[in-house]
């Protein structure tokens, strides 16, 4: 648990690294029920009773599979991010094709400090995001049509055989 907006919230630690003073650690956390990530001192994160972990997260982190930033770029442009945030609305339902959850965390997993979406633990890979606002074209197709993305069947990484990763 960590404090966010003055209240304690459930978090998942997704990465740990030694602080510069060597007396503490920093951790990258994901807020399970409100979404978003942050970096906190590990000493400010409390372990909660396992009974509170039985409920699934209310927010899930997803990564669009099958497209990548427009040619000549490895990062999404600010314009592409604005387009994505403007089009992916909170006030209408969203339908999407779920490919599965990769990078599942196990107790013995060594946590990376990376914040690259497809390298994070428990990220759900999706495609054909359909925002149910009356527009029939999927959001990933609109990103390509607008020139912000290109089709790439193995991006951001090849998906393994379905029998080996889905749940």
Protein backbone atom coordinates (compact mmCIF):
# COMPACT_ATOMS: atom_id res chain seq x y z
CA UNK A 1 0.00 0.00 0.00
CA UNK A 2 1.12 3.54 -0.69
CA UNK A 3 -0.39 6.96 -0.09
CA UNK A 4 -1.88 8.63 -3.16
CA UNK A 5 -4.09 11.73 -3.02
CA UNK A 6 -3.91 11.51 0.77
CA UNK A 7 -5.36 8.00 0.94
CA UNK A 8 -3.76 4.56 1.10
CA UNK A 9 -4.15 2.55 -2.10
CA UNK A 10 -3.25 -0.94 -3.26
CA UNK A 11 -0.09 -0.97 -5.35
CA UNK A 12 2.06 -3.50 -7.13
CA UNK A 13 5.83 -3.07 -6.94
CA UNK A 14 7.12 -3.53 -10.48
CA UNK A 15 10.75 -2.55 -10.00
CA UNK A 16 13.30 -1.82 -7.27
CA UNK A 17 16.69 -0.08 -7.33
CA UNK A 18 19.15 1.16 -4.72
CA UNK A 19 18.89 4.84 -3.80
CA UNK A 20 21.96 7.04 -4.18
CA UNK A 21 22.55 7.14 -0.42
CA UNK A 22 22.64 3.30 -0.32
CA UNK A 23 20.43 3.30 2.82
CA UNK A 24 17.12 2.99 1.02
CA UNK A 25 15.61 1.66 -2.16
CA UNK A 26 13.38 3.26 -4.73
CA UNK A 27 10.53 1.29 -6.17
CA UNK A 28 8.42 1.79 -9.26
CA UNK A 29 4.81 1.10 -8.30
CA UNK A 30 1.57 0.65 -10.21
CA UNK A 31 -1.66 1.78 -8.55
CA UNK A 32 -3.90 -1.26 -8.93
CA UNK A 33 -7.29 0.36 -8.43
CA UNK A 34 -6.85 3.90 -9.75
CA UNK A 35 -4.27 3.37 -12.50
CA UNK A 36 -0.98 5.08 -13.12
CA UNK A 37 2.56 4.56 -11.93
CA UNK A 38 4.93 6.41 -9.62
CA UNK A 39 8.35 6.12 -7.99
CA UNK A 40 8.47 5.98 -4.20
CA UNK A 41 10.96 5.19 -1.47
CA UNK A 42 10.45 1.53 -0.63
CA UNK A 43 10.26 2.47 3.06
CA UNK A 44 7.00 4.35 2.36
CA UNK A 45 5.26 1.30 0.89
CA UNK A 46 3.53 -1.01 3.36
CA UNK A 47 2.76 -4.69 2.94
CA UNK A 48 -0.91 -5.49 3.38
CA UNK A 49 -2.67 -8.60 4.60
CA UNK A 50 -3.03 -11.13 1.75
CA UNK A 51 -6.83 -11.12 2.08
CA UNK A 52 -6.81 -7.65 0.46
CA UNK A 53 -4.99 -9.08 -2.56
CA UNK A 54 -7.78 -11.54 -3.42
CA UNK A 55 -9.76 -8.88 -5.26
CA UNK A 56 -8.63 -8.29 -8.84
CA UNK A 57 -7.27 -4.85 -9.78
CA UNK A 58 -9.82 -2.29 -10.93
CA UNK A 59 -7.33 -0.88 -13.46
CA UNK A 60 -5.36 -2.94 -15.93
CA UNK A 61 -2.33 -1.88 -17.91
CA UNK A 62 -2.61 -2.68 -21.59
CA UNK A 63 -0.24 -2.48 -24.53
CA UNK A 64 -1.50 -2.25 -28.11
CA UNK A 65 -0.10 -5.11 -30.16
CA UNK A 66 0.34 -4.98 -33.93
CA UNK A 67 1.27 -1.32 -34.41
CA UNK A 68 4.35 0.75 -33.66
CA UNK A 69 5.23 4.45 -33.82
CA UNK A 70 5.44 5.93 -37.31
CA UNK A 71 8.61 5.17 -39.27
CA UNK A 72 11.85 6.80 -38.19
CA UNK A 73 10.72 6.81 -34.55
CA UNK A 74 11.02 4.47 -31.59
CA UNK A 75 8.81 6.56 -29.30
CA UNK A 76 5.25 7.78 -29.70
CA UNK A 77 5.21 11.43 -30.72
CA UNK A 78 3.52 13.99 -28.44
CA UNK A 79 0.90 14.46 -31.18
CA UNK A 80 0.21 10.70 -31.28
CA UNK A 81 -0.15 10.60 -27.49
CA UNK A 82 -2.56 13.56 -27.56
CA UNK A 83 -4.60 11.87 -30.31
CA UNK A 84 -4.69 8.61 -28.35
CA UNK A 85 -5.75 10.29 -25.08
CA UNK A 86 -8.39 12.40 -26.87
CA UNK A 87 -9.89 9.41 -28.70
CA UNK A 88 -9.71 6.85 -25.86
CA UNK A 89 -12.53 8.28 -23.78
CA UNK A 90 -13.66 7.34 -20.29
CA UNK A 91 -17.35 8.04 -20.82
CA UNK A 92 -18.11 5.30 -23.38
CA UNK A 93 -17.56 1.54 -23.43
CA UNK A 94 -14.50 0.10 -25.16
CA UNK A 95 -14.32 -3.26 -26.92
CA UNK A 96 -10.96 -4.83 -27.67
CA UNK A 97 -9.31 -8.05 -28.73
CA UNK A 98 -7.26 -9.53 -25.85
CA UNK A 99 -4.20 -11.53 -26.87
CA UNK A 100 -3.13 -12.40 -23.33
CA UNK A 101 -1.03 -11.41 -20.38
CA UNK A 102 2.73 -11.68 -20.72
CA UNK A 103 5.55 -11.20 -18.24
CA UNK A 104 3.62 -12.82 -15.41
CA UNK A 105 5.20 -12.19 -12.02
CA UNK A 106 6.28 -15.17 -9.99
CA UNK A 107 7.57 -15.02 -6.41
CA UNK A 108 11.15 -15.64 -7.53
CA UNK A 109 11.05 -13.08 -10.36
CA UNK A 110 13.76 -10.43 -10.26
CA UNK A 111 12.00 -7.15 -10.90
CA UNK A 112 13.38 -4.87 -13.59
CA UNK A 113 13.26 -1.10 -13.10
CA UNK A 114 12.20 -0.62 -16.72
CA UNK A 115 9.05 1.35 -17.44
CA UNK A 116 8.72 0.26 -21.06
CA UNK A 117 5.09 -0.89 -21.23
CA UNK A 118 5.62 -4.24 -22.94
CA UNK A 119 8.41 -5.15 -20.49
CA UNK A 120 6.35 -4.52 -17.36
CA UNK A 121 4.87 -7.44 -15.45
CA UNK A 122 1.23 -8.41 -15.96
CA UNK A 123 0.63 -6.17 -18.99
CA UNK A 124 -2.29 -7.27 -21.17
CA UNK A 125 -1.65 -7.21 -24.92
CA UNK A 126 -4.65 -6.00 -26.96
CA UNK A 127 -5.61 -4.96 -30.48
CA UNK A 128 -8.63 -3.70 -32.41
CA UNK A 129 -9.60 -1.13 -29.77
CA UNK A 130 -13.14 -0.12 -30.58
CA UNK A 131 -14.31 3.00 -28.74
CA UNK A 132 -18.11 2.69 -28.74
CA UNK A 133 -18.81 6.34 -29.54
CA UNK A 134 -20.38 5.85 -32.96
CA UNK A 135 -17.10 5.62 -34.89
CA UNK A 136 -16.77 2.21 -36.50
CA UNK A 137 -13.01 2.27 -37.23
CA UNK A 138 -10.83 0.74 -34.46
CA UNK A 139 -8.52 3.14 -32.63
CA UNK A 140 -5.36 1.33 -33.73
CA UNK A 141 -6.48 1.64 -37.38
CA UNK A 142 -7.15 5.36 -36.88
CA UNK A 143 -3.64 5.81 -35.42
CA UNK A 144 -2.26 4.26 -38.62
CA UNK A 145 -4.58 6.27 -40.91
CA UNK A 146 -3.60 9.54 -39.19
CA UNK A 147 0.09 8.73 -39.74
CA UNK A 148 0.97 8.29 -36.06
CA UNK A 149 1.61 4.53 -36.37
CA UNK A 150 2.36 1.77 -38.85
CA UNK A 151 1.19 -1.83 -38.89
CA UNK A 152 3.76 -4.21 -37.42
CA UNK A 153 2.55 -7.75 -36.63
CA UNK A 154 5.37 -8.48 -34.15
CA UNK A 155 5.36 -5.14 -32.37
CA UNK A 156 6.17 -4.44 -29.64
CA UNK A 157 7.24 -8.10 -29.44
CA UNK A 158 6.21 -11.38 -31.05
CA UNK A 159 3.39 -13.09 -29.22
CA UNK A 160 4.08 -16.63 -28.09
CA UNK A 161 1.84 -19.53 -29.01
CA UNK A 162 -1.57 -18.94 -27.36
CA UNK A 163 -1.38 -22.21 -25.48
CA UNK A 164 1.61 -20.94 -23.52
CA UNK A 165 0.54 -17.57 -22.17
CA UNK A 166 -3.19 -16.89 -21.94
CA UNK A 167 -5.35 -16.72 -18.84
